């Protein structure tokens, strides 16, 4: 895959993370769980975030280990295959804690490669 192609996946990851934050803004966990469309859209964007992460080349992931690549991809797998149920406490923790710290890391990675 060319460098330009994987950068599109990085852009997508940033967009998916931004959507997760947008769809959950102003909600507490109970309102989020009861929201229907917001819940479904958020879960879908977390799935897509993990899918896009799986397309970032291994050498880029290895060089930027502060980003939890394996956890992002594993979360996608758990959500995709979570037909027996999703743990909403874990999901809310990802939304509240992980995504807000992940987004600036992804944005900084993009800046790093924009300057390169």
PDB file of N, CA and C in Angstrom:
ATOM      1  N   UNK A   1       0.847  -1.170   0.000  1.00  0.00           N
ATOM      2  CA  UNK A   1       0.000   0.000   0.000  1.00  0.00           C
ATOM      3  C   UNK A   1       0.897   1.240   0.000  1.00  0.00           C
ATOM      4  N   UNK A   2       0.544   2.206  -0.801  1.00  0.00           N
ATOM      5  CA  UNK A   2       1.348   3.421  -0.835  1.00  0.00           C
ATOM      6  C   UNK A   2       1.096   4.253   0.412  1.00  0.00           C
ATOM      7  N   UNK A   3       2.047   5.140   0.698  1.00  0.00           N
ATOM      8  CA  UNK A   3       1.925   6.002   1.874  1.00  0.00           C
ATOM      9  C   UNK A   3       0.653   6.846   1.791  1.00  0.00           C
ATOM     10  N   UNK A   4       0.336   7.318   0.617  1.00  0.00           N
ATOM     11  CA  UNK A   4      -0.850   8.162   0.456  1.00  0.00           C
ATOM     12  C   UNK A   4      -2.117   7.380   0.800  1.00  0.00           C
ATOM     13  N   UNK A   5      -2.183   6.135   0.437  1.00  0.00           N
ATOM     14  CA  UNK A   5      -3.377   5.342   0.706  1.00  0.00           C
ATOM     15  C   UNK A   5      -3.614   5.148   2.197  1.00  0.00           C
ATOM     16  N   UNK A   6      -2.578   4.803   2.966  1.00  0.00           N
ATOM     17  CA  UNK A   6      -2.811   4.566   4.385  1.00  0.00           C
ATOM     18  C   UNK A   6      -3.166   5.853   5.107  1.00  0.00           C
ATOM     19  N   UNK A   7      -2.721   6.970   4.578  1.00  0.00           N
ATOM     20  CA  UNK A   7      -3.079   8.255   5.200  1.00  0.00           C
ATOM     21  C   UNK A   7      -4.587   8.498   5.132  1.00  0.00           C
ATOM     22  N   UNK A   8      -5.240   7.988   4.118  1.00  0.00           N
ATOM     23  CA  UNK A   8      -6.693   8.114   4.051  1.00  0.00           C
ATOM     24  C   UNK A   8      -7.351   7.398   5.235  1.00  0.00           C
ATOM     25  N   UNK A   9      -6.802   6.252   5.605  1.00  0.00           N
ATOM     26  CA  UNK A   9      -7.339   5.537   6.766  1.00  0.00           C
ATOM     27  C   UNK A   9      -7.127   6.332   8.052  1.00  0.00           C
ATOM     28  N   UNK A  10      -5.996   6.999   8.158  1.00  0.00           N
ATOM     29  CA  UNK A  10      -5.749   7.851   9.318  1.00  0.00           C
ATOM     30  C   UNK A  10      -6.771   8.992   9.362  1.00  0.00           C
ATOM     31  N   UNK A  11      -7.020   9.615   8.226  1.00  0.00           N
ATOM     32  CA  UNK A  11      -8.047  10.657   8.157  1.00  0.00           C
ATOM     33  C   UNK A  11      -9.408  10.110   8.583  1.00  0.00           C
ATOM     34  N   UNK A  12      -9.718   8.912   8.111  1.00  0.00           N
ATOM     35  CA  UNK A  12     -10.984   8.277   8.490  1.00  0.00           C
ATOM     36  C   UNK A  12     -11.049   8.055   9.989  1.00  0.00           C
ATOM     37  N   UNK A  13      -9.953   7.582  10.581  1.00  0.00           N
ATOM     38  CA  UNK A  13      -9.937   7.344  12.023  1.00  0.00           C
ATOM     39  C   UNK A  13     -10.239   8.626  12.787  1.00  0.00           C
ATOM     40  N   UNK A  14      -9.653   9.714  12.359  1.00  0.00           N
ATOM     41  CA  UNK A  14      -9.908  11.008  13.003  1.00  0.00           C
ATOM     42  C   UNK A  14     -11.381  11.358  12.880  1.00  0.00           C
ATOM     43  N   UNK A  15     -11.939  11.191  11.702  1.00  0.00           N
ATOM     44  CA  UNK A  15     -13.356  11.493  11.493  1.00  0.00           C
ATOM     45  C   UNK A  15     -14.271  10.624  12.338  1.00  0.00           C
ATOM     46  N   UNK A  16     -13.959   9.334  12.435  1.00  0.00           N
ATOM     47  CA  UNK A  16     -14.789   8.431  13.248  1.00  0.00           C
ATOM     48  C   UNK A  16     -14.724   8.812  14.723  1.00  0.00           C
ATOM     49  N   UNK A  17     -13.532   9.145  15.213  1.00  0.00           N
ATOM     50  CA  UNK A  17     -13.382   9.551  16.616  1.00  0.00           C
ATOM     51  C   UNK A  17     -14.150  10.852  16.876  1.00  0.00           C
ATOM     52  N   UNK A  18     -14.076  11.784  15.941  1.00  0.00           N
ATOM     53  CA  UNK A  18     -14.818  13.045  16.091  1.00  0.00           C
ATOM     54  C   UNK A  18     -16.324  12.790  16.126  1.00  0.00           C
ATOM     55  N   UNK A  19     -16.798  11.878  15.301  1.00  0.00           N
ATOM     56  CA  UNK A  19     -18.231  11.558  15.301  1.00  0.00           C
ATOM     57  C   UNK A  19     -18.666  10.928  16.614  1.00  0.00           C
ATOM     58  N   UNK A  20     -17.841  10.035  17.157  1.00  0.00           N
ATOM     59  CA  UNK A  20     -18.166   9.411  18.449  1.00  0.00           C
ATOM     60  C   UNK A  20     -18.365  10.500  19.500  1.00  0.00           C
ATOM     61  N   UNK A  21     -17.458  11.461  19.542  1.00  0.00           N
ATOM     62  CA  UNK A  21     -17.580  12.536  20.521  1.00  0.00           C
ATOM     63  C   UNK A  21     -18.786  13.417  20.236  1.00  0.00           C
ATOM     64  N   UNK A  22     -19.045  13.675  18.978  1.00  0.00           N
ATOM     65  CA  UNK A  22     -20.192  14.498  18.605  1.00  0.00           C
ATOM     66  C   UNK A  22     -21.518  13.823  18.961  1.00  0.00           C
ATOM     67  N   UNK A  23     -21.621  12.536  18.666  1.00  0.00           N
ATOM     68  CA  UNK A  23     -22.875  11.808  18.904  1.00  0.00           C
ATOM     69  C   UNK A  23     -23.175  11.617  20.385  1.00  0.00           C
ATOM     70  N   UNK A  24     -22.161  11.738  21.226  1.00  0.00           N
ATOM     71  CA  UNK A  24     -22.359  11.506  22.661  1.00  0.00           C
ATOM     72  C   UNK A  24     -22.265  12.790  23.481  1.00  0.00           C
ATOM     73  N   UNK A  25     -22.009  13.898  22.818  1.00  0.00           N
ATOM     74  CA  UNK A  25     -21.860  15.175  23.523  1.00  0.00           C
ATOM     75  C   UNK A  25     -23.135  15.512  24.304  1.00  0.00           C
ATOM     76  N   UNK A  26     -22.955  15.872  25.547  1.00  0.00           N
ATOM     77  CA  UNK A  26     -24.080  16.274  26.390  1.00  0.00           C
ATOM     78  C   UNK A  26     -24.897  15.135  26.965  1.00  0.00           C
ATOM     79  N   UNK A  27     -24.492  13.904  26.678  1.00  0.00           N
ATOM     80  CA  UNK A  27     -25.228  12.745  27.189  1.00  0.00           C
ATOM     81  C   UNK A  27     -24.497  12.150  28.379  1.00  0.00           C
ATOM     82  N   UNK A  28     -25.253  11.634  29.327  1.00  0.00           N
ATOM     83  CA  UNK A  28     -24.652  10.788  30.349  1.00  0.00           C
ATOM     84  C   UNK A  28     -24.857   9.342  29.897  1.00  0.00           C
ATOM     85  N   UNK A  29     -24.336   8.405  30.635  1.00  0.00           N
ATOM     86  CA  UNK A  29     -24.393   7.014  30.190  1.00  0.00           C
ATOM     87  C   UNK A  29     -25.825   6.527  30.029  1.00  0.00           C
ATOM     88  N   UNK A  30     -26.691   6.842  30.965  1.00  0.00           N
ATOM     89  CA  UNK A  30     -28.077   6.366  30.890  1.00  0.00           C
ATOM     90  C   UNK A  30     -28.785   6.929  29.658  1.00  0.00           C
ATOM     91  N   UNK A  31     -28.625   8.207  29.401  1.00  0.00           N
ATOM     92  CA  UNK A  31     -29.261   8.817  28.218  1.00  0.00           C
ATOM     93  C   UNK A  31     -28.658   8.261  26.927  1.00  0.00           C
ATOM     94  N   UNK A  32     -27.350   8.018  26.948  1.00  0.00           N
ATOM     95  CA  UNK A  32     -26.703   7.428  25.782  1.00  0.00           C
ATOM     96  C   UNK A  32     -27.273   6.044  25.493  1.00  0.00           C
ATOM     97  N   UNK A  33     -27.364   5.205  26.519  1.00  0.00           N
ATOM     98  CA  UNK A  33     -27.862   3.839  26.336  1.00  0.00           C
ATOM     99  C   UNK A  33     -29.303   3.827  25.835  1.00  0.00           C
ATOM    100  N   UNK A  34     -30.079   4.822  26.221  1.00  0.00           N
ATOM    101  CA  UNK A  34     -31.485   4.884  25.817  1.00  0.00           C
ATOM    102  C   UNK A  34     -31.699   5.632  24.507  1.00  0.00           C
ATOM    103  N   UNK A  35     -30.633   6.157  23.931  1.00  0.00           N
ATOM    104  CA  UNK A  35     -30.776   7.088  22.808  1.00  0.00           C
ATOM    105  C   UNK A  35     -31.123   6.455  21.467  1.00  0.00           C
ATOM    106  N   UNK A  36     -30.931   5.177  21.295  1.00  0.00           N
ATOM    107  CA  UNK A  36     -31.262   4.545  20.013  1.00  0.00           C
ATOM    108  C   UNK A  36     -30.294   4.926  18.913  1.00  0.00           C
ATOM    109  N   UNK A  37     -30.620   5.962  18.164  1.00  0.00           N
ATOM    110  CA  UNK A  37     -29.799   6.346  17.022  1.00  0.00           C
ATOM    111  C   UNK A  37     -28.391   6.748  17.430  1.00  0.00           C
ATOM    112  N   UNK A  38     -28.259   7.526  18.487  1.00  0.00           N
ATOM    113  CA  UNK A  38     -26.928   7.930  18.934  1.00  0.00           C
ATOM    114  C   UNK A  38     -26.105   6.708  19.346  1.00  0.00           C
ATOM    115  N   UNK A  39     -26.736   5.804  20.049  1.00  0.00           N
ATOM    116  CA  UNK A  39     -26.058   4.582  20.488  1.00  0.00           C
ATOM    117  C   UNK A  39     -25.579   3.791  19.276  1.00  0.00           C
ATOM    118  N   UNK A  40     -26.490   3.525  18.360  1.00  0.00           N
ATOM    119  CA  UNK A  40     -26.142   2.729  17.180  1.00  0.00           C
ATOM    120  C   UNK A  40     -25.064   3.409  16.332  1.00  0.00           C
ATOM    121  N   UNK A  41     -25.187   4.720  16.132  1.00  0.00           N
ATOM    122  CA  UNK A  41     -24.204   5.446  15.320  1.00  0.00           C
ATOM    123  C   UNK A  41     -22.836   5.453  15.995  1.00  0.00           C
ATOM    124  N   UNK A  42     -22.822   5.578  17.307  1.00  0.00           N
ATOM    125  CA  UNK A  42     -21.562   5.581  18.041  1.00  0.00           C
ATOM    126  C   UNK A  42     -20.877   4.224  17.941  1.00  0.00           C
ATOM    127  N   UNK A  43     -21.625   3.167  18.165  1.00  0.00           N
ATOM    128  CA  UNK A  43     -21.056   1.822  18.065  1.00  0.00           C
ATOM    129  C   UNK A  43     -20.512   1.598  16.652  1.00  0.00           C
ATOM    130  N   UNK A  44     -21.260   2.002  15.656  1.00  0.00           N
ATOM    131  CA  UNK A  44     -20.808   1.813  14.274  1.00  0.00           C
ATOM    132  C   UNK A  44     -19.510   2.561  14.003  1.00  0.00           C
ATOM    133  N   UNK A  45     -19.401   3.784  14.506  1.00  0.00           N
ATOM    134  CA  UNK A  45     -18.183   4.544  14.279  1.00  0.00           C
ATOM    135  C   UNK A  45     -16.999   3.971  15.041  1.00  0.00           C
ATOM    136  N   UNK A  46     -17.228   3.379  16.206  1.00  0.00           N
ATOM    137  CA  UNK A  46     -16.155   2.681  16.907  1.00  0.00           C
ATOM    138  C   UNK A  46     -15.707   1.451  16.126  1.00  0.00           C
ATOM    139  N   UNK A  47     -16.654   0.750  15.514  1.00  0.00           N
ATOM    140  CA  UNK A  47     -16.306  -0.387  14.655  1.00  0.00           C
ATOM    141  C   UNK A  47     -15.449   0.074  13.477  1.00  0.00           C
ATOM    142  N   UNK A  48     -15.889   1.149  12.833  1.00  0.00           N
ATOM    143  CA  UNK A  48     -15.162   1.664  11.670  1.00  0.00           C
ATOM    144  C   UNK A  48     -13.780   2.186  12.051  1.00  0.00           C
ATOM    145  N   UNK A  49     -13.673   2.778  13.223  1.00  0.00           N
ATOM    146  CA  UNK A  49     -12.383   3.251  13.726  1.00  0.00           C
ATOM    147  C   UNK A  49     -11.404   2.085  13.813  1.00  0.00           C
ATOM    148  N   UNK A  50     -11.855   0.985  14.368  1.00  0.00           N
ATOM    149  CA  UNK A  50     -11.008  -0.200  14.469  1.00  0.00           C
ATOM    150  C   UNK A  50     -10.673  -0.807  13.126  1.00  0.00           C
ATOM    151  N   UNK A  51     -11.624  -0.803  12.227  1.00  0.00           N
ATOM    152  CA  UNK A  51     -11.366  -1.330  10.891  1.00  0.00           C
ATOM    153  C   UNK A  51     -10.314  -0.489  10.175  1.00  0.00           C
ATOM    154  N   UNK A  52     -10.450   0.826  10.253  1.00  0.00           N
ATOM    155  CA  UNK A  52      -9.458   1.709   9.625  1.00  0.00           C
ATOM    156  C   UNK A  52      -8.083   1.499  10.247  1.00  0.00           C
ATOM    157  N   UNK A  53      -8.017   1.314  11.564  1.00  0.00           N
ATOM    158  CA  UNK A  53      -6.731   1.093  12.248  1.00  0.00           C
ATOM    159  C   UNK A  53      -6.037  -0.157  11.729  1.00  0.00           C
ATOM    160  N   UNK A  54      -6.827  -1.152  11.366  1.00  0.00           N
ATOM    161  CA  UNK A  54      -6.223  -2.394  10.873  1.00  0.00           C
ATOM    162  C   UNK A  54      -5.545  -2.212   9.514  1.00  0.00           C
ATOM    163  N   UNK A  55      -5.806  -1.093   8.847  1.00  0.00           N
ATOM    164  CA  UNK A  55      -5.206  -0.809   7.542  1.00  0.00           C
ATOM    165  C   UNK A  55      -3.984   0.103   7.632  1.00  0.00           C
ATOM    166  N   UNK A  56      -3.647   0.524   8.849  1.00  0.00           N
ATOM    167  CA  UNK A  56      -2.422   1.300   9.027  1.00  0.00           C
ATOM    168  C   UNK A  56      -1.259   0.305   8.989  1.00  0.00           C
ATOM    169  N   UNK A  57      -0.250   0.561   8.179  1.00  0.00           N
ATOM    170  CA  UNK A  57       0.846  -0.407   8.037  1.00  0.00           C
ATOM    171  C   UNK A  57       1.523  -0.719   9.372  1.00  0.00           C
ATOM    172  N   UNK A  58       1.932  -1.966   9.534  1.00  0.00           N
ATOM    173  CA  UNK A  58       2.591  -2.379  10.786  1.00  0.00           C
ATOM    174  C   UNK A  58       3.794  -1.516  11.155  1.00  0.00           C
ATOM    175  N   UNK A  59       4.559  -1.070  10.178  1.00  0.00           N
ATOM    176  CA  UNK A  59       5.731  -0.251  10.499  1.00  0.00           C
ATOM    177  C   UNK A  59       5.340   1.120  11.063  1.00  0.00           C
ATOM    178  N   UNK A  60       4.207   1.645  10.627  1.00  0.00           N
ATOM    179  CA  UNK A  60       3.717   2.920  11.177  1.00  0.00           C
ATOM    180  C   UNK A  60       3.229   2.684  12.602  1.00  0.00           C
ATOM    181  N   UNK A  61       2.479   1.607  12.800  1.00  0.00           N
ATOM    182  CA  UNK A  61       1.998   1.276  14.148  1.00  0.00           C
ATOM    183  C   UNK A  61       3.170   1.052  15.101  1.00  0.00           C
ATOM    184  N   UNK A  62       4.198   0.350  14.638  1.00  0.00           N
ATOM    185  CA  UNK A  62       5.361   0.070  15.488  1.00  0.00           C
ATOM    186  C   UNK A  62       6.112   1.351  15.853  1.00  0.00           C
ATOM    187  N   UNK A  63       6.144   2.291  14.929  1.00  0.00           N
ATOM    188  CA  UNK A  63       6.855   3.550  15.172  1.00  0.00           C
ATOM    189  C   UNK A  63       6.069   4.512  16.060  1.00  0.00           C
ATOM    190  N   UNK A  64       4.791   4.229  16.250  1.00  0.00           N
ATOM    191  CA  UNK A  64       3.922   5.124  17.034  1.00  0.00           C
ATOM    192  C   UNK A  64       3.137   4.293  18.046  1.00  0.00           C
ATOM    193  N   UNK A  65       3.877   3.674  18.934  1.00  0.00           N
ATOM    194  CA  UNK A  65       3.295   2.737  19.885  1.00  0.00           C
ATOM    195  C   UNK A  65       2.493   3.391  20.997  1.00  0.00           C
ATOM    196  N   UNK A  66       2.559   4.706  21.122  1.00  0.00           N
ATOM    197  CA  UNK A  66       1.742   5.387  22.134  1.00  0.00           C
ATOM    198  C   UNK A  66       0.255   5.272  21.792  1.00  0.00           C
ATOM    199  N   UNK A  67      -0.040   5.075  20.519  1.00  0.00           N
ATOM    200  CA  UNK A  67      -1.419   4.860  20.090  1.00  0.00           C
ATOM    201  C   UNK A  67      -1.739   3.383  20.315  1.00  0.00           C
ATOM    202  N   UNK A  68      -2.826   3.103  21.018  1.00  0.00           N
ATOM    203  CA  UNK A  68      -3.134   1.693  21.354  1.00  0.00           C
ATOM    204  C   UNK A  68      -3.772   0.942  20.177  1.00  0.00           C
ATOM    205  N   UNK A  69      -3.005   0.696  19.147  1.00  0.00           N
ATOM    206  CA  UNK A  69      -3.509   0.099  17.906  1.00  0.00           C
ATOM    207  C   UNK A  69      -4.234  -1.223  18.158  1.00  0.00           C
ATOM    208  N   UNK A  70      -3.604  -2.110  18.914  1.00  0.00           N
ATOM    209  CA  UNK A  70      -4.206  -3.430  19.147  1.00  0.00           C
ATOM    210  C   UNK A  70      -5.524  -3.311  19.896  1.00  0.00           C
ATOM    211  N   UNK A  71      -5.604  -2.406  20.857  1.00  0.00           N
ATOM    212  CA  UNK A  71      -6.853  -2.219  21.597  1.00  0.00           C
ATOM    213  C   UNK A  71      -7.954  -1.662  20.698  1.00  0.00           C
ATOM    214  N   UNK A  72      -7.586  -0.749  19.829  1.00  0.00           N
ATOM    215  CA  UNK A  72      -8.571  -0.167  18.900  1.00  0.00           C
ATOM    216  C   UNK A  72      -9.140  -1.261  18.001  1.00  0.00           C
ATOM    217  N   UNK A  73      -8.266  -2.072  17.456  1.00  0.00           N
ATOM    218  CA  UNK A  73      -8.688  -3.159  16.565  1.00  0.00           C
ATOM    219  C   UNK A  73      -9.474  -4.212  17.341  1.00  0.00           C
ATOM    220  N   UNK A  74      -9.015  -4.539  18.548  1.00  0.00           N
ATOM    221  CA  UNK A  74      -9.721  -5.532  19.371  1.00  0.00           C
ATOM    222  C   UNK A  74     -11.112  -5.043  19.757  1.00  0.00           C
ATOM    223  N   UNK A  75     -11.244  -3.749  20.016  1.00  0.00           N
ATOM    224  CA  UNK A  75     -12.565  -3.188  20.338  1.00  0.00           C
ATOM    225  C   UNK A  75     -13.499  -3.357  19.147  1.00  0.00           C
ATOM    226  N   UNK A  76     -12.995  -3.107  17.969  1.00  0.00           N
ATOM    227  CA  UNK A  76     -13.801  -3.310  16.764  1.00  0.00           C
ATOM    228  C   UNK A  76     -14.290  -4.744  16.683  1.00  0.00           C
ATOM    229  N   UNK A  77     -13.376  -5.681  16.926  1.00  0.00           N
ATOM    230  CA  UNK A  77     -13.743  -7.093  16.835  1.00  0.00           C
ATOM    231  C   UNK A  77     -14.799  -7.461  17.876  1.00  0.00           C
ATOM    232  N   UNK A  78     -14.639  -6.947  19.089  1.00  0.00           N
ATOM    233  CA  UNK A  78     -15.619  -7.239  20.140  1.00  0.00           C
ATOM    234  C   UNK A  78     -16.996  -6.659  19.795  1.00  0.00           C
ATOM    235  N   UNK A  79     -16.999  -5.462  19.243  1.00  0.00           N
ATOM    236  CA  UNK A  79     -18.285  -4.834  18.896  1.00  0.00           C
ATOM    237  C   UNK A  79     -18.953  -5.550  17.726  1.00  0.00           C
ATOM    238  N   UNK A  80     -18.175  -5.860  16.705  1.00  0.00           N
ATOM    239  CA  UNK A  80     -18.711  -6.539  15.524  1.00  0.00           C
ATOM    240  C   UNK A  80     -19.306  -7.892  15.897  1.00  0.00           C
ATOM    241  N   UNK A  81     -18.618  -8.604  16.769  1.00  0.00           N
ATOM    242  CA  UNK A  81     -19.043  -9.953  17.127  1.00  0.00           C
ATOM    243  C   UNK A  81     -19.820  -9.989  18.441  1.00  0.00           C
ATOM    244  N   UNK A  82     -20.239  -8.811  18.895  1.00  0.00           N
ATOM    245  CA  UNK A  82     -20.924  -8.718  20.183  1.00  0.00           C
ATOM    246  C   UNK A  82     -22.407  -8.978  20.105  1.00  0.00           C
ATOM    247  N   UNK A  83     -22.790  -9.907  19.289  1.00  0.00           N
ATOM    248  CA  UNK A  83     -24.213 -10.203  19.124  1.00  0.00           C
ATOM    249  C   UNK A  83     -24.842 -10.741  20.403  1.00  0.00           C
ATOM    250  N   UNK A  84     -24.027 -11.181  21.341  1.00  0.00           N
ATOM    251  CA  UNK A  84     -24.561 -11.641  22.625  1.00  0.00           C
ATOM    252  C   UNK A  84     -24.687 -10.493  23.617  1.00  0.00           C
ATOM    253  N   UNK A  85     -24.296  -9.322  23.201  1.00  0.00           N
ATOM    254  CA  UNK A  85     -24.422  -8.161  24.065  1.00  0.00           C
ATOM    255  C   UNK A  85     -23.122  -7.396  24.198  1.00  0.00           C
ATOM    256  N   UNK A  86     -23.263  -6.130  24.370  1.00  0.00           N
ATOM    257  CA  UNK A  86     -22.137  -5.232  24.541  1.00  0.00           C
ATOM    258  C   UNK A  86     -22.164  -4.759  25.985  1.00  0.00           C
ATOM    259  N   UNK A  87     -21.016  -4.742  26.628  1.00  0.00           N
ATOM    260  CA  UNK A  87     -20.920  -4.233  27.992  1.00  0.00           C
ATOM    261  C   UNK A  87     -20.963  -2.711  27.924  1.00  0.00           C
ATOM    262  N   UNK A  88     -22.086  -2.128  28.313  1.00  0.00           N
ATOM    263  CA  UNK A  88     -22.267  -0.685  28.191  1.00  0.00           C
ATOM    264  C   UNK A  88     -21.353   0.112  29.119  1.00  0.00           C
ATOM    265  N   UNK A  89     -20.940  -0.473  30.227  1.00  0.00           N
ATOM    266  CA  UNK A  89     -19.994   0.229  31.100  1.00  0.00           C
ATOM    267  C   UNK A  89     -18.642   0.381  30.410  1.00  0.00           C
ATOM    268  N   UNK A  90     -18.189  -0.685  29.754  1.00  0.00           N
ATOM    269  CA  UNK A  90     -16.923  -0.618  29.018  1.00  0.00           C
ATOM    270  C   UNK A  90     -17.061   0.331  27.834  1.00  0.00           C
ATOM    271  N   UNK A  91     -18.167   0.230  27.126  1.00  0.00           N
ATOM    272  CA  UNK A  91     -18.416   1.104  25.983  1.00  0.00           C
ATOM    273  C   UNK A  91     -18.378   2.569  26.417  1.00  0.00           C
ATOM    274  N   UNK A  92     -19.044   2.883  27.507  1.00  0.00           N
ATOM    275  CA  UNK A  92     -19.074   4.270  27.978  1.00  0.00           C
ATOM    276  C   UNK A  92     -17.678   4.724  28.414  1.00  0.00           C
ATOM    277  N   UNK A  93     -16.916   3.844  29.009  1.00  0.00           N
ATOM    278  CA  UNK A  93     -15.549   4.173  29.398  1.00  0.00           C
ATOM    279  C   UNK A  93     -14.703   4.508  28.165  1.00  0.00           C
ATOM    280  N   UNK A  94     -14.883   3.757  27.097  1.00  0.00           N
ATOM    281  CA  UNK A  94     -14.166   4.035  25.842  1.00  0.00           C
ATOM    282  C   UNK A  94     -14.538   5.424  25.328  1.00  0.00           C
ATOM    283  N   UNK A  95     -15.824   5.728  25.367  1.00  0.00           N
ATOM    284  CA  UNK A  95     -16.309   7.016  24.868  1.00  0.00           C
ATOM    285  C   UNK A  95     -15.802   8.168  25.729  1.00  0.00           C
ATOM    286  N   UNK A  96     -15.882   7.993  27.030  1.00  0.00           N
ATOM    287  CA  UNK A  96     -15.543   9.064  27.974  1.00  0.00           C
ATOM    288  C   UNK A  96     -14.039   9.256  28.155  1.00  0.00           C
ATOM    289  N   UNK A  97     -13.271   8.173  28.129  1.00  0.00           N
ATOM    290  CA  UNK A  97     -11.857   8.268  28.474  1.00  0.00           C
ATOM    291  C   UNK A  97     -10.923   8.027  27.288  1.00  0.00           C
ATOM    292  N   UNK A  98     -11.185   6.979  26.542  1.00  0.00           N
ATOM    293  CA  UNK A  98     -10.234   6.581  25.504  1.00  0.00           C
ATOM    294  C   UNK A  98     -10.291   7.463  24.262  1.00  0.00           C
ATOM    295  N   UNK A  99     -11.477   7.724  23.769  1.00  0.00           N
ATOM    296  CA  UNK A  99     -11.590   8.507  22.522  1.00  0.00           C
ATOM    297  C   UNK A  99     -11.079   9.934  22.707  1.00  0.00           C
ATOM    298  N   UNK A 100     -11.403  10.625  23.813  1.00  0.00           N
ATOM    299  CA  UNK A 100     -10.862  11.983  23.974  1.00  0.00           C
ATOM    300  C   UNK A 100      -9.331  12.036  24.030  1.00  0.00           C
ATOM    301  N   UNK A 101      -8.682  10.990  24.508  1.00  0.00           N
ATOM    302  CA  UNK A 101      -7.216  10.985  24.507  1.00  0.00           C
ATOM    303  C   UNK A 101      -6.657  10.473  23.179  1.00  0.00           C
ATOM    304  N   UNK A 102      -7.403   9.617  22.500  1.00  0.00           N
ATOM    305  CA  UNK A 102      -6.954   9.073  21.215  1.00  0.00           C
ATOM    306  C   UNK A 102      -6.973  10.128  20.110  1.00  0.00           C
ATOM    307  N   UNK A 103      -8.001  10.945  20.080  1.00  0.00           N
ATOM    308  CA  UNK A 103      -8.158  11.904  18.980  1.00  0.00           C
ATOM    309  C   UNK A 103      -6.943  12.813  18.812  1.00  0.00           C
ATOM    310  N   UNK A 104      -6.421  13.447  19.872  1.00  0.00           N
ATOM    311  CA  UNK A 104      -5.236  14.280  19.663  1.00  0.00           C
ATOM    312  C   UNK A 104      -4.008  13.476  19.216  1.00  0.00           C
ATOM    313  N   UNK A 105      -3.903  12.234  19.659  1.00  0.00           N
ATOM    314  CA  UNK A 105      -2.788  11.393  19.213  1.00  0.00           C
ATOM    315  C   UNK A 105      -2.865  11.165  17.700  1.00  0.00           C
ATOM    316  N   UNK A 106      -4.058  10.890  17.215  1.00  0.00           N
ATOM    317  CA  UNK A 106      -4.239  10.681  15.775  1.00  0.00           C
ATOM    318  C   UNK A 106      -3.984  11.972  15.002  1.00  0.00           C
ATOM    319  N   UNK A 107      -4.457  13.085  15.540  1.00  0.00           N
ATOM    320  CA  UNK A 107      -4.236  14.375  14.878  1.00  0.00           C
ATOM    321  C   UNK A 107      -2.747  14.717  14.830  1.00  0.00           C
ATOM    322  N   UNK A 108      -2.024  14.413  15.906  1.00  0.00           N
ATOM    323  CA  UNK A 108      -0.578  14.656  15.918  1.00  0.00           C
ATOM    324  C   UNK A 108       0.147  13.752  14.932  1.00  0.00           C
ATOM    325  N   UNK A 109      -0.304  12.518  14.818  1.00  0.00           N
ATOM    326  CA  UNK A 109       0.296  11.613  13.839  1.00  0.00           C
ATOM    327  C   UNK A 109       0.080  12.150  12.426  1.00  0.00           C
ATOM    328  N   UNK A 110      -1.103  12.639  12.171  1.00  0.00           N
ATOM    329  CA  UNK A 110      -1.385  13.218  10.849  1.00  0.00           C
ATOM    330  C   UNK A 110      -0.462  14.413  10.586  1.00  0.00           C
ATOM    331  N   UNK A 111      -0.295  15.282  11.582  1.00  0.00           N
ATOM    332  CA  UNK A 111       0.597  16.439  11.424  1.00  0.00           C
ATOM    333  C   UNK A 111       2.024  15.982  11.151  1.00  0.00           C
ATOM    334  N   UNK A 112       2.450  14.940  11.851  1.00  0.00           N
ATOM    335  CA  UNK A 112       3.801  14.413  11.664  1.00  0.00           C
ATOM    336  C   UNK A 112       4.038  14.017  10.207  1.00  0.00           C
ATOM    337  N   UNK A 113       3.067  13.374   9.609  1.00  0.00           N
ATOM    338  CA  UNK A 113       3.231  12.909   8.240  1.00  0.00           C
ATOM    339  C   UNK A 113       2.880  13.970   7.209  1.00  0.00           C
ATOM    340  N   UNK A 114       2.185  15.006   7.627  1.00  0.00           N
ATOM    341  CA  UNK A 114       1.903  16.120   6.724  1.00  0.00           C
ATOM    342  C   UNK A 114       3.168  16.932   6.526  1.00  0.00           C
ATOM    343  N   UNK A 115       3.969  17.037   7.600  1.00  0.00           N
ATOM    344  CA  UNK A 115       5.243  17.780   7.533  1.00  0.00           C
ATOM    345  C   UNK A 115       6.328  16.987   6.823  1.00  0.00           C
ATOM    346  N   UNK A 116       6.206  15.676   6.875  1.00  0.00           N
ATOM    347  CA  UNK A 116       7.263  14.815   6.324  1.00  0.00           C
ATOM    348  C   UNK A 116       7.341  14.889   4.809  1.00  0.00           C
TER     349      UNK A 116
END
